[in-house]
């Protein structure tokens, strides 16, 4: 099969021919038809993920069809259209038994712990725990856009943030995760303030339901701007960037007893972020993380997008092919992404 391989952290990725993955008795092999490109893939390439060992194939947002099914797998057949959570679970540990597969004690991640979806095929172990069937009406490219950023934002907004109608929600950073969070919060009836450095990203946020937008290049104190626009602060604020400044701004954007949810990755190589803990204590703020979405939660998310409440195509900022992935990864070295929204590679 053809795949995008990097031989060392930060070295130029290359498209080359490699061996097809083997199917395990409890697993499947998926013919990848589309895959998202995410900042997490850049972190893997840069060596920020301790579980990545070159040579490596990144990619963790995938949709496709089953081409091989392991001997012990029941209920799945070649030709089935599927996706998987980017955090795959063992199905047997304490957290899995409690329904918290997104923090499985023995989790594995395509594109991190093993070769991922920047390839024509990818192996997925523990298929019965991790496969998600795709509805016929959902295009494969749209399904790939769900994989990490949308699914993570779904859990961040509706589960960790417990966002309700008419609450104020601040979204810091309007890349793939942030723009998804804007759309999900707006669909839930929340009043959204979007914060970004790009006018293009903020225009898209407004089209997807943001009531106010704040450009950080023209607004020195974005947290103060959010507090003024919301009449005292957001009920829920999300850092979708993963930078010490955006994390602190998100926390400071909250009203008393509000909730901050951290989506954006902050690798330890960059140092620990300074958190305004005096505000957390004095105003009884909640600070939460979020890590993917369990397979059993996918049906509700799929109903949200197939029920016409969110147009996934509006979230896709760019479509590329497998051969374009190396350049797309390199472009992520720049502070400002080449396009707003989600980038999806069409492979099959």
Protein backbone atom coordinates (compact mmCIF):
# COMPACT_ATOMS: atom_id res chain seq x y z
CA UNK A 1 0.00 0.00 0.00
CA UNK A 2 1.00 3.67 -0.28
CA UNK A 3 1.50 5.62 2.92
CA UNK A 4 3.02 8.86 4.24
CA UNK A 5 6.07 7.88 6.30
CA UNK A 6 8.50 9.94 8.37
CA UNK A 7 11.82 8.38 9.37
CA UNK A 8 12.66 10.85 12.14
CA UNK A 9 10.93 13.52 14.18
CA UNK A 10 10.65 16.66 12.08
CA UNK A 11 12.18 15.01 9.01
CA UNK A 12 10.37 15.53 5.71
CA UNK A 13 7.54 12.98 5.36
CA UNK A 14 7.47 10.95 2.14
CA UNK A 15 4.84 8.98 0.24
CA UNK A 16 6.18 5.49 -0.31
CA UNK A 17 5.07 1.89 -0.76
CA UNK A 18 5.02 -0.20 2.42
CA UNK A 19 3.62 -3.58 3.43
CA UNK A 20 -0.13 -3.91 3.96
CA UNK A 21 -1.16 -4.26 7.62
CA UNK A 22 -2.06 -7.71 8.92
CA UNK A 23 -5.43 -8.40 10.50
CA UNK A 24 -5.48 -9.70 14.10
CA UNK A 25 -8.07 -12.27 15.26
CA UNK A 26 -10.01 -9.59 17.18
CA UNK A 27 -9.38 -6.81 14.67
CA UNK A 28 -10.11 -5.55 11.18
CA UNK A 29 -8.32 -3.85 8.32
CA UNK A 30 -9.96 -0.71 6.95
CA UNK A 31 -9.46 0.55 3.40
CA UNK A 32 -9.10 4.27 4.13
CA UNK A 33 -11.26 6.43 1.87
CA UNK A 34 -10.72 9.72 3.70
CA UNK A 35 -8.66 10.97 6.63
CA UNK A 36 -8.47 14.25 8.47
CA UNK A 37 -5.26 16.21 9.02
CA UNK A 38 -5.04 17.56 12.54
CA UNK A 39 -2.64 19.47 14.77
CA UNK A 40 -2.28 16.22 16.72
CA UNK A 41 -0.68 14.66 13.63
CA UNK A 42 1.82 17.52 13.61
CA UNK A 43 2.59 16.86 17.29
CA UNK A 44 3.23 13.18 16.47
CA UNK A 45 5.55 14.14 13.62
CA UNK A 46 7.43 16.64 15.81
CA UNK A 47 8.09 14.05 18.54
CA UNK A 48 5.71 15.48 21.13
CA UNK A 49 3.96 12.12 21.61
CA UNK A 50 6.00 9.68 23.74
CA UNK A 51 4.31 6.65 22.13
CA UNK A 52 5.48 7.48 18.58
CA UNK A 53 8.57 5.66 17.28
CA UNK A 54 9.88 6.38 13.75
CA UNK A 55 9.59 5.21 11.07
CA UNK A 56 5.96 6.06 11.52
CA UNK A 57 2.69 6.71 9.71
CA UNK A 58 0.49 9.32 11.41
CA UNK A 59 -3.23 9.92 10.89
CA UNK A 60 -6.03 9.24 13.36
CA UNK A 61 -9.23 10.61 11.79
CA UNK A 62 -10.45 8.03 9.29
CA UNK A 63 -13.42 6.70 7.44
CA UNK A 64 -13.55 3.81 5.01
CA UNK A 65 -14.69 0.26 4.35
CA UNK A 66 -13.72 -3.03 5.95
CA UNK A 67 -11.57 -5.23 3.70
CA UNK A 68 -10.50 -7.85 6.25
CA UNK A 69 -12.27 -9.08 9.39
CA UNK A 70 -10.54 -11.13 12.10
CA UNK A 71 -11.62 -14.68 12.84
CA UNK A 72 -13.11 -13.85 16.26
CA UNK A 73 -14.95 -10.66 15.23
CA UNK A 74 -18.74 -10.89 15.18
CA UNK A 75 -21.25 -8.49 13.67
CA UNK A 76 -18.93 -6.87 11.13
CA UNK A 77 -18.34 -7.81 7.50
CA UNK A 78 -16.16 -6.79 4.54
CA UNK A 79 -17.70 -3.79 2.81
CA UNK A 80 -19.13 -2.21 5.98
CA UNK A 81 -18.62 1.58 6.11
CA UNK A 82 -16.94 2.51 9.39
CA UNK A 83 -15.04 5.01 11.44
CA UNK A 84 -13.29 4.64 14.81
CA UNK A 85 -12.62 6.94 17.78
CA UNK A 86 -9.10 8.30 17.78
CA UNK A 87 -8.79 6.84 21.29
CA UNK A 88 -9.43 3.13 20.85
CA UNK A 89 -10.19 1.08 23.94
CA UNK A 90 -9.38 -2.37 25.30
CA UNK A 91 -12.97 -2.99 26.39
CA UNK A 92 -12.04 -4.78 29.62
CA UNK A 93 -10.36 -2.34 32.04
CA UNK A 94 -12.04 -0.48 34.92
CA UNK A 95 -12.65 2.68 32.87
CA UNK A 96 -14.07 0.73 29.94
CA UNK A 97 -16.41 -1.13 32.29
CA UNK A 98 -17.63 2.26 33.55
CA UNK A 99 -18.30 3.46 30.00
CA UNK A 100 -15.28 5.78 29.92
CA UNK A 101 -13.47 4.23 26.98
CA UNK A 102 -12.03 7.63 26.03
CA UNK A 103 -9.67 7.30 29.01
CA UNK A 104 -9.11 3.54 28.73
CA UNK A 105 -6.24 2.37 30.91
CA UNK A 106 -4.81 0.38 27.97
CA UNK A 107 -5.83 2.67 25.13
CA UNK A 108 -4.25 2.63 21.70
CA UNK A 109 -4.43 5.31 19.06
CA UNK A 110 -4.12 4.97 15.28
CA UNK A 111 -1.33 7.25 14.15
CA UNK A 112 0.24 7.35 17.62
CA UNK A 113 0.70 3.95 19.25
CA UNK A 114 0.59 2.20 15.88
CA UNK A 115 0.57 3.17 12.22
CA UNK A 116 -2.37 5.32 11.26
CA UNK A 117 -4.57 6.53 8.44
CA UNK A 118 -2.17 8.51 6.26
CA UNK A 119 -2.22 5.34 4.22
CA UNK A 120 -4.43 3.28 1.97
CA UNK A 121 -5.10 0.75 4.73
CA UNK A 122 -5.03 0.74 8.53
CA UNK A 123 -5.40 -2.07 11.08
CA UNK A 124 -7.78 -1.63 14.02
CA UNK A 125 -7.58 -4.13 16.93
CA UNK A 126 -10.46 -4.83 19.33
CA UNK A 127 -12.92 -4.19 16.54
CA UNK A 128 -16.11 -4.99 18.44
CA UNK A 129 -15.26 -2.34 21.04
CA UNK A 130 -14.12 0.38 18.66
CA UNK A 131 -15.86 0.23 15.28
CA UNK A 132 -18.64 2.71 14.54
CA UNK A 133 -21.02 2.07 11.64
CA UNK A 134 -21.56 5.04 9.33
CA UNK A 135 -25.08 5.89 8.16
CA UNK A 136 -25.64 5.68 4.41
CA UNK A 137 -26.55 9.36 4.18
CA UNK A 138 -23.21 10.54 5.63
CA UNK A 139 -20.51 11.00 2.95
CA UNK A 140 -17.14 9.44 3.71
CA UNK A 141 -15.30 12.76 3.55
CA UNK A 142 -17.70 14.28 6.06
CA UNK A 143 -17.30 11.24 8.32
CA UNK A 144 -13.52 11.69 8.35
CA UNK A 145 -14.02 15.27 9.51
CA UNK A 146 -15.71 13.91 12.66
CA UNK A 147 -12.77 11.84 13.83
CA UNK A 148 -10.85 13.92 16.33
CA UNK A 149 -11.71 17.59 16.35
CA UNK A 150 -15.48 17.36 15.96
CA UNK A 151 -15.83 14.36 18.27
CA UNK A 152 -13.59 15.96 20.90
CA UNK A 153 -15.56 19.20 20.66
CA UNK A 154 -18.85 17.31 20.93
CA UNK A 155 -17.77 15.81 24.25
CA UNK A 156 -16.18 19.08 25.41
CA UNK A 157 -19.29 21.16 24.77
CA UNK A 158 -22.13 18.80 25.63
CA UNK A 159 -20.58 16.44 28.19
CA UNK A 160 -17.73 18.20 30.01
CA UNK A 161 -19.14 21.70 29.54
CA UNK A 162 -22.80 20.61 29.93
CA UNK A 163 -23.75 23.54 27.71
CA UNK A 164 -27.43 24.49 27.73
CA UNK A 165 -29.56 26.82 25.64
CA UNK A 166 -29.04 30.55 26.25
CA UNK A 167 -25.75 30.07 28.11
CA UNK A 168 -22.73 32.07 26.96
CA UNK A 169 -19.91 29.97 25.49
CA UNK A 170 -16.49 31.40 24.59
CA UNK A 171 -14.40 29.49 22.05
CA UNK A 172 -10.72 30.44 21.96
CA UNK A 173 -9.22 29.38 18.63
CA UNK A 174 -11.28 28.67 15.52
CA UNK A 175 -9.28 25.99 13.76
CA UNK A 176 -10.83 22.57 13.22
CA UNK A 177 -11.67 21.90 16.87
CA UNK A 178 -12.76 25.44 17.62
CA UNK A 179 -14.98 25.87 14.59
CA UNK A 180 -16.59 22.52 15.45
CA UNK A 181 -17.19 23.73 19.02
CA UNK A 182 -18.81 26.91 17.70
CA UNK A 183 -21.21 24.90 15.52
CA UNK A 184 -22.06 22.39 18.26
CA UNK A 185 -22.65 25.04 20.92
CA UNK A 186 -24.80 27.11 18.56
CA UNK A 187 -26.82 24.01 17.61
CA UNK A 188 -27.45 23.49 21.34
CA UNK A 189 -28.93 26.98 21.56
CA UNK A 190 -25.97 28.61 23.30
CA UNK A 191 -24.78 32.17 22.64
CA UNK A 192 -21.25 31.91 21.30
CA UNK A 193 -18.31 34.30 21.35
CA UNK A 194 -15.52 33.18 19.00
CA UNK A 195 -11.92 34.35 19.53
CA UNK A 196 -9.17 33.98 16.92
CA UNK A 197 -6.36 35.85 15.16
CA UNK A 198 -7.77 35.25 11.66
CA UNK A 199 -10.60 37.28 10.15
CA UNK A 200 -11.29 34.38 7.77
CA UNK A 201 -11.75 31.96 10.67
CA UNK A 202 -13.96 34.44 12.51
CA UNK A 203 -16.15 34.97 9.43
CA UNK A 204 -16.71 31.22 9.28
CA UNK A 205 -17.47 31.16 13.01
CA UNK A 206 -20.10 33.86 12.53
CA UNK A 207 -21.66 31.91 9.65
CA UNK A 208 -21.84 28.84 11.88
CA UNK A 209 -23.63 30.63 14.69
CA UNK A 210 -21.21 32.79 16.71
CA UNK A 211 -23.07 35.83 18.04
CA UNK A 212 -19.87 37.82 18.57
CA UNK A 213 -16.30 37.52 17.28
CA UNK A 214 -13.08 38.86 18.80
CA UNK A 215 -9.85 39.24 16.82
CA UNK A 216 -6.91 38.88 19.19
CA UNK A 217 -4.65 40.88 16.87
CA UNK A 218 -6.82 43.94 17.42
CA UNK A 219 -7.97 43.24 20.98
CA UNK A 220 -5.12 43.22 23.53
CA UNK A 221 -7.21 41.65 26.32
CA UNK A 222 -9.52 39.05 24.79
CA UNK A 223 -10.72 37.83 28.19
CA UNK A 224 -11.92 41.31 29.10
CA UNK A 225 -13.65 41.57 25.72
CA UNK A 226 -15.51 38.31 26.35
CA UNK A 227 -16.56 39.44 29.83
CA UNK A 228 -17.91 42.70 28.42
CA UNK A 229 -19.77 41.04 25.54
CA UNK A 230 -21.38 38.47 27.83
CA UNK A 231 -22.27 40.78 30.70
CA UNK A 232 -19.93 39.23 33.24
CA UNK A 233 -18.25 36.29 31.57
CA UNK A 234 -18.97 33.04 29.78
CA UNK A 235 -20.70 30.16 31.51
CA UNK A 236 -18.38 27.82 29.61
CA UNK A 237 -15.09 28.65 27.90
CA UNK A 238 -12.98 26.35 25.75
CA UNK A 239 -9.30 26.62 24.82
CA UNK A 240 -9.08 24.99 21.42
CA UNK A 241 -5.54 26.25 20.73
CA UNK A 242 -3.35 24.65 23.35
CA UNK A 243 -1.16 27.64 24.20
CA UNK A 244 -0.44 29.06 27.67
CA UNK A 245 -1.89 32.43 26.65
CA UNK A 246 -5.13 30.99 25.26
CA UNK A 247 -5.53 28.71 28.28
CA UNK A 248 -5.18 31.64 30.69
CA UNK A 249 -7.47 33.83 28.57
CA UNK A 250 -10.13 31.13 28.51
CA UNK A 251 -10.10 30.78 32.30
CA UNK A 252 -10.19 34.55 32.76
CA UNK A 253 -13.14 34.79 30.34
CA UNK A 254 -15.43 32.94 32.74
CA UNK A 255 -18.09 34.29 35.02
CA UNK A 256 -18.14 33.17 38.66
CA UNK A 257 -18.54 29.38 38.95
CA UNK A 258 -18.02 28.95 35.23
CA UNK A 259 -16.35 25.99 33.52
CA UNK A 260 -13.14 25.95 31.49
CA UNK A 261 -12.58 22.96 29.18
CA UNK A 262 -9.12 22.34 27.74
CA UNK A 263 -9.17 20.84 24.23
CA UNK A 264 -5.94 22.09 22.70
CA UNK A 265 -2.88 19.97 23.42
CA UNK A 266 -0.04 21.51 25.41
CA UNK A 267 2.89 19.10 25.12
CA UNK A 268 5.14 19.03 28.20
CA UNK A 269 8.11 19.90 25.98
CA UNK A 270 6.79 23.46 25.97
CA UNK A 271 6.68 23.65 29.74
CA UNK A 272 3.73 23.75 32.11
CA UNK A 273 1.26 26.59 31.44
CA UNK A 274 0.77 29.27 34.10
CA UNK A 275 -2.83 28.90 35.29
CA UNK A 276 -4.56 31.87 37.00
CA UNK A 277 -5.29 29.71 40.02
CA UNK A 278 -6.21 32.72 42.17
CA UNK A 279 -9.24 33.20 39.90
CA UNK A 280 -10.07 29.49 40.00
CA UNK A 281 -10.13 29.58 43.80
CA UNK A 282 -11.78 32.95 44.41
CA UNK A 283 -14.56 32.44 41.85
CA UNK A 284 -14.95 28.65 42.25
CA UNK A 285 -14.19 27.92 38.62
CA UNK A 286 -14.15 24.39 37.22
CA UNK A 287 -11.16 23.39 35.08
CA UNK A 288 -11.65 20.22 33.04
CA UNK A 289 -9.85 18.32 30.33
CA UNK A 290 -11.43 16.37 27.52
CA UNK A 291 -10.01 13.45 25.56
CA UNK A 292 -11.92 12.16 22.57
CA UNK A 293 -15.31 10.45 22.49
CA UNK A 294 -16.35 6.89 23.25
CA UNK A 295 -17.63 4.71 20.41
CA UNK A 296 -20.95 4.23 22.22
CA UNK A 297 -21.49 8.02 22.18
CA UNK A 298 -21.06 8.28 18.41
CA UNK A 299 -24.70 7.50 17.49
CA UNK A 300 -25.91 10.68 19.23
CA UNK A 301 -23.24 12.73 17.48
CA UNK A 302 -24.13 11.17 14.13
CA UNK A 303 -27.80 12.01 14.68
CA UNK A 304 -26.78 15.61 15.28
CA UNK A 305 -24.99 15.88 11.93
CA UNK A 306 -27.38 13.78 9.85
CA UNK A 307 -30.41 15.58 11.27
CA UNK A 308 -29.38 18.76 9.41
CA UNK A 309 -28.56 20.65 12.60
CA UNK A 310 -24.92 20.98 11.50
CA UNK A 311 -23.63 21.00 7.92
CA UNK A 312 -20.27 19.21 8.11
CA UNK A 313 -19.28 20.40 4.65
CA UNK A 314 -19.19 23.95 6.02
CA UNK A 315 -16.56 22.83 8.53
CA UNK A 316 -14.24 21.41 5.87
CA UNK A 317 -11.86 24.17 4.86
CA UNK A 318 -9.67 22.22 2.44
CA UNK A 319 -9.67 18.90 0.56
CA UNK A 320 -6.39 17.32 -0.48
CA UNK A 321 -5.07 13.92 -1.62
CA UNK A 322 -2.61 11.44 -0.10
CA UNK A 323 0.28 12.94 -2.06
CA UNK A 324 -0.48 16.37 -0.58
CA UNK A 325 -0.23 15.28 3.05
CA UNK A 326 3.56 15.81 3.47
CA UNK A 327 3.30 19.45 2.39
CA UNK A 328 0.20 19.93 4.53
CA UNK A 329 2.09 18.70 7.61
CA UNK A 330 5.02 20.99 6.88
CA UNK A 331 2.62 23.93 6.49
CA UNK A 332 1.51 23.39 10.10
CA UNK A 333 4.93 24.68 11.17
CA UNK A 334 3.51 28.13 10.49
CA UNK A 335 1.62 29.89 13.28
CA UNK A 336 -1.30 30.72 11.00
CA UNK A 337 -2.85 27.67 9.29
CA UNK A 338 -3.21 27.74 5.48
CA UNK A 339 -7.01 27.62 5.74
CA UNK A 340 -9.73 27.82 8.35
CA UNK A 341 -11.77 24.76 9.20
CA UNK A 342 -10.85 21.10 8.86
CA UNK A 343 -8.48 19.67 6.24
CA UNK A 344 -9.49 16.27 4.83
CA UNK A 345 -7.47 14.03 2.50
CA UNK A 346 -9.51 11.92 0.08
CA UNK A 347 -7.62 8.64 -0.41
CA UNK A 348 -9.92 5.90 -1.69
